[in-house]
Structure formats: structure tokens, C-alpha cells
Amino acid sequence: MNNYIILYIILINLIAFALMGIDKRRAVRHAWRIPEKTLFLSALLGGSLGALLGMHTFHHKTRHWYFAYGIPAILILQLGLAFYLISVRIK
């Protein structure tokens, strides 16, 4: 079970990272964009670290306050939840 969770977290973070890169490339080329809701959803589904790394790697959405504060807030909440679940399981 734990292996599936770890695999899911890795995959969703890679997807979130890739979505930021793809959207940045499309923005530069004035092409069809990935909706911001999709970018946030990928972070909410567990890809917040990938989204944050993608934002800074590709210099994308870093000036939008709702991304600059929202994605790190989601990451902090997810880390807090993970530590809580781990501590409950250990006891």
C-alpha cells in the first residue's frame, strides 16, 4: 500500500512540474494555455512540491499572488497532514 502512495506522490509531482513548464512554453508562444484551475488542482491532488519547483524553475506564475502564496500554503498544509498521519500511525 505504501509503495502505491509513494508512486502516486512522485507521479503527481512530476505532472504538476511538467504542467508548469508546458504552460510557460505556451505562454511564451502565445498558444492555448492550461487553465489556472488545472494548475492548482494538480497541486491540491498532492503535487504542490512539483508545482512550486516548476514555478521557480520556469519562472512561471511567480508574480501572481495567488500562486506565490497559494502553492506554498498548499505544500505546508500537505506536509502538516503527512506528518500528522505518520505520527498517528506510529503511535
C-alpha atoms as a PDB file:
ATOM      1  CA  MET A   1       0.000   0.000   0.000  1.00  0.00           C
ATOM      2  CA  ASN A   2       2.760   2.445   0.933  1.00  0.00           C
ATOM      3  CA  ASN A   3       4.531   1.815  -2.372  1.00  0.00           C
ATOM      4  CA  TYR A   4       1.418   2.891  -4.261  1.00  0.00           C
ATOM      5  CA  ILE A   5       1.161   6.071  -2.218  1.00  0.00           C
ATOM      6  CA  ILE A   6       4.812   6.914  -2.821  1.00  0.00           C
ATOM      7  CA  LEU A   7       4.452   6.192  -6.539  1.00  0.00           C
ATOM      8  CA  TYR A   8       1.323   8.398  -6.682  1.00  0.00           C
ATOM      9  CA  ILE A   9       3.094  11.293  -4.934  1.00  0.00           C
ATOM     10  CA  ILE A  10       6.062  11.053  -7.297  1.00  0.00           C
ATOM     11  CA  LEU A  11       3.841  10.920 -10.386  1.00  0.00           C
ATOM     12  CA  ILE A  12       1.547  13.793  -9.384  1.00  0.00           C
ATOM     13  CA  ASN A  13       4.561  15.976  -8.574  1.00  0.00           C
ATOM     14  CA  LEU A  14       6.139  15.188 -11.942  1.00  0.00           C
ATOM     15  CA  ILE A  15       2.833  16.028 -13.630  1.00  0.00           C
ATOM     16  CA  ALA A  16       2.500  19.317 -11.724  1.00  0.00           C
ATOM     17  CA  PHE A  17       6.094  20.245 -12.588  1.00  0.00           C
ATOM     18  CA  ALA A  18       5.541  19.391 -16.251  1.00  0.00           C
ATOM     19  CA  LEU A  19       2.277  21.355 -16.384  1.00  0.00           C
ATOM     20  CA  MET A  20       4.100  24.490 -15.221  1.00  0.00           C
ATOM     21  CA  GLY A  21       6.754  24.013 -17.887  1.00  0.00           C
ATOM     22  CA  ILE A  22       4.227  23.319 -20.624  1.00  0.00           C
ATOM     23  CA  ASP A  23       2.113  26.315 -19.653  1.00  0.00           C
ATOM     24  CA  LYS A  24       5.171  28.580 -19.588  1.00  0.00           C
ATOM     25  CA  ARG A  25       6.198  27.430 -23.064  1.00  0.00           C
ATOM     26  CA  ARG A  26       2.672  28.039 -24.341  1.00  0.00           C
ATOM     27  CA  ALA A  27       2.602  31.485 -22.730  1.00  0.00           C
ATOM     28  CA  VAL A  28       5.806  32.476 -24.499  1.00  0.00           C
ATOM     29  CA  ARG A  29       4.429  31.217 -27.812  1.00  0.00           C
ATOM     30  CA  HIS A  30       1.018  32.869 -27.268  1.00  0.00           C
ATOM     31  CA  ALA A  31      -0.606  29.457 -27.665  1.00  0.00           C
ATOM     32  CA  TRP A  32      -3.568  27.857 -25.902  1.00  0.00           C
ATOM     33  CA  ARG A  33      -2.905  27.847 -22.143  1.00  0.00           C
ATOM     34  CA  ILE A  34      -3.501  25.356 -19.383  1.00  0.00           C
ATOM     35  CA  PRO A  35      -6.271  26.726 -17.120  1.00  0.00           C
ATOM     36  CA  GLU A  36      -5.104  28.030 -13.750  1.00  0.00           C
ATOM     37  CA  LYS A  37      -7.679  25.761 -12.112  1.00  0.00           C
ATOM     38  CA  THR A  38      -5.838  22.770 -13.575  1.00  0.00           C
ATOM     39  CA  LEU A  39      -2.505  24.012 -12.247  1.00  0.00           C
ATOM     40  CA  PHE A  40      -3.994  24.467  -8.768  1.00  0.00           C
ATOM     41  CA  LEU A  41      -5.786  21.118  -8.948  1.00  0.00           C
ATOM     42  CA  SER A  42      -2.516  19.327  -9.666  1.00  0.00           C
ATOM     43  CA  ALA A  43      -1.068  20.974  -6.542  1.00  0.00           C
ATOM     44  CA  LEU A  44      -4.136  20.139  -4.429  1.00  0.00           C
ATOM     45  CA  LEU A  45      -4.004  16.494  -5.503  1.00  0.00           C
ATOM     46  CA  GLY A  46      -0.548  16.153  -3.938  1.00  0.00           C
ATOM     47  CA  GLY A  47       1.695  17.861  -6.480  1.00  0.00           C
ATOM     48  CA  SER A  48       2.358  21.067  -4.567  1.00  0.00           C
ATOM     49  CA  LEU A  49       6.115  20.495  -4.347  1.00  0.00           C
ATOM     50  CA  GLY A  50       6.326  19.809  -8.082  1.00  0.00           C
ATOM     51  CA  ALA A  51       4.203  22.872  -8.835  1.00  0.00           C
ATOM     52  CA  LEU A  52       6.374  25.071  -6.602  1.00  0.00           C
ATOM     53  CA  LEU A  53       9.590  23.766  -8.147  1.00  0.00           C
ATOM     54  CA  GLY A  54       8.086  24.238 -11.610  1.00  0.00           C
ATOM     55  CA  MET A  55       7.110  27.818 -10.802  1.00  0.00           C
ATOM     56  CA  HIS A  56      10.652  28.688  -9.842  1.00  0.00           C
ATOM     57  CA  THR A  57      12.423  26.576 -12.461  1.00  0.00           C
ATOM     58  CA  PHE A  58      10.412  28.026 -15.333  1.00  0.00           C
ATOM     59  CA  HIS A  59       9.847  31.474 -13.731  1.00  0.00           C
ATOM     60  CA  HIS A  60       6.145  30.959 -14.223  1.00  0.00           C
ATOM     61  CA  LYS A  61       3.235  32.384 -12.204  1.00  0.00           C
ATOM     62  CA  THR A  62       5.646  33.765  -9.589  1.00  0.00           C
ATOM     63  CA  ARG A  63       4.193  37.282  -9.857  1.00  0.00           C
ATOM     64  CA  HIS A  64       0.609  36.144  -9.312  1.00  0.00           C
ATOM     65  CA  TRP A  65      -0.033  36.494  -5.570  1.00  0.00           C
ATOM     66  CA  TYR A  66      -2.497  33.614  -5.511  1.00  0.00           C
ATOM     67  CA  PHE A  67       0.188  31.288  -6.881  1.00  0.00           C
ATOM     68  CA  ALA A  68       3.077  32.838  -4.937  1.00  0.00           C
ATOM     69  CA  TYR A  69       1.211  32.353  -1.646  1.00  0.00           C
ATOM     70  CA  GLY A  70      -1.311  29.646  -2.541  1.00  0.00           C
ATOM     71  CA  ILE A  71       1.039  26.911  -3.744  1.00  0.00           C
ATOM     72  CA  PRO A  72       3.389  27.198  -0.714  1.00  0.00           C
ATOM     73  CA  ALA A  73       0.335  27.252   1.584  1.00  0.00           C
ATOM     74  CA  ILE A  74      -0.950  24.049  -0.009  1.00  0.00           C
ATOM     75  CA  LEU A  75       2.502  22.480   0.407  1.00  0.00           C
ATOM     76  CA  ILE A  76       2.626  23.424   4.103  1.00  0.00           C
ATOM     77  CA  LEU A  77      -0.862  22.005   4.692  1.00  0.00           C
ATOM     78  CA  GLN A  78       0.016  18.782   2.870  1.00  0.00           C
ATOM     79  CA  LEU A  79       3.252  18.382   4.825  1.00  0.00           C
ATOM     80  CA  GLY A  80       1.380  19.001   8.069  1.00  0.00           C
ATOM     81  CA  LEU A  81      -1.208  16.388   7.126  1.00  0.00           C
ATOM     82  CA  ALA A  82       1.510  13.905   6.169  1.00  0.00           C
ATOM     83  CA  PHE A  83       3.372  14.387   9.465  1.00  0.00           C
ATOM     84  CA  TYR A  84       0.107  14.039  11.382  1.00  0.00           C
ATOM     85  CA  LEU A  85      -0.817  10.822   9.588  1.00  0.00           C
ATOM     86  CA  ILE A  86       2.666   9.418  10.118  1.00  0.00           C
ATOM     87  CA  SER A  87       2.614  10.296  13.823  1.00  0.00           C
ATOM     88  CA  VAL A  88      -0.827   8.708  14.267  1.00  0.00           C
ATOM     89  CA  ARG A  89       0.325   5.564  12.502  1.00  0.00           C
ATOM     90  CA  ILE A  90       3.492   5.308  14.631  1.00  0.00           C
ATOM     91  CA  LYS A  91       1.573   5.503  17.917  1.00  0.00           C
END
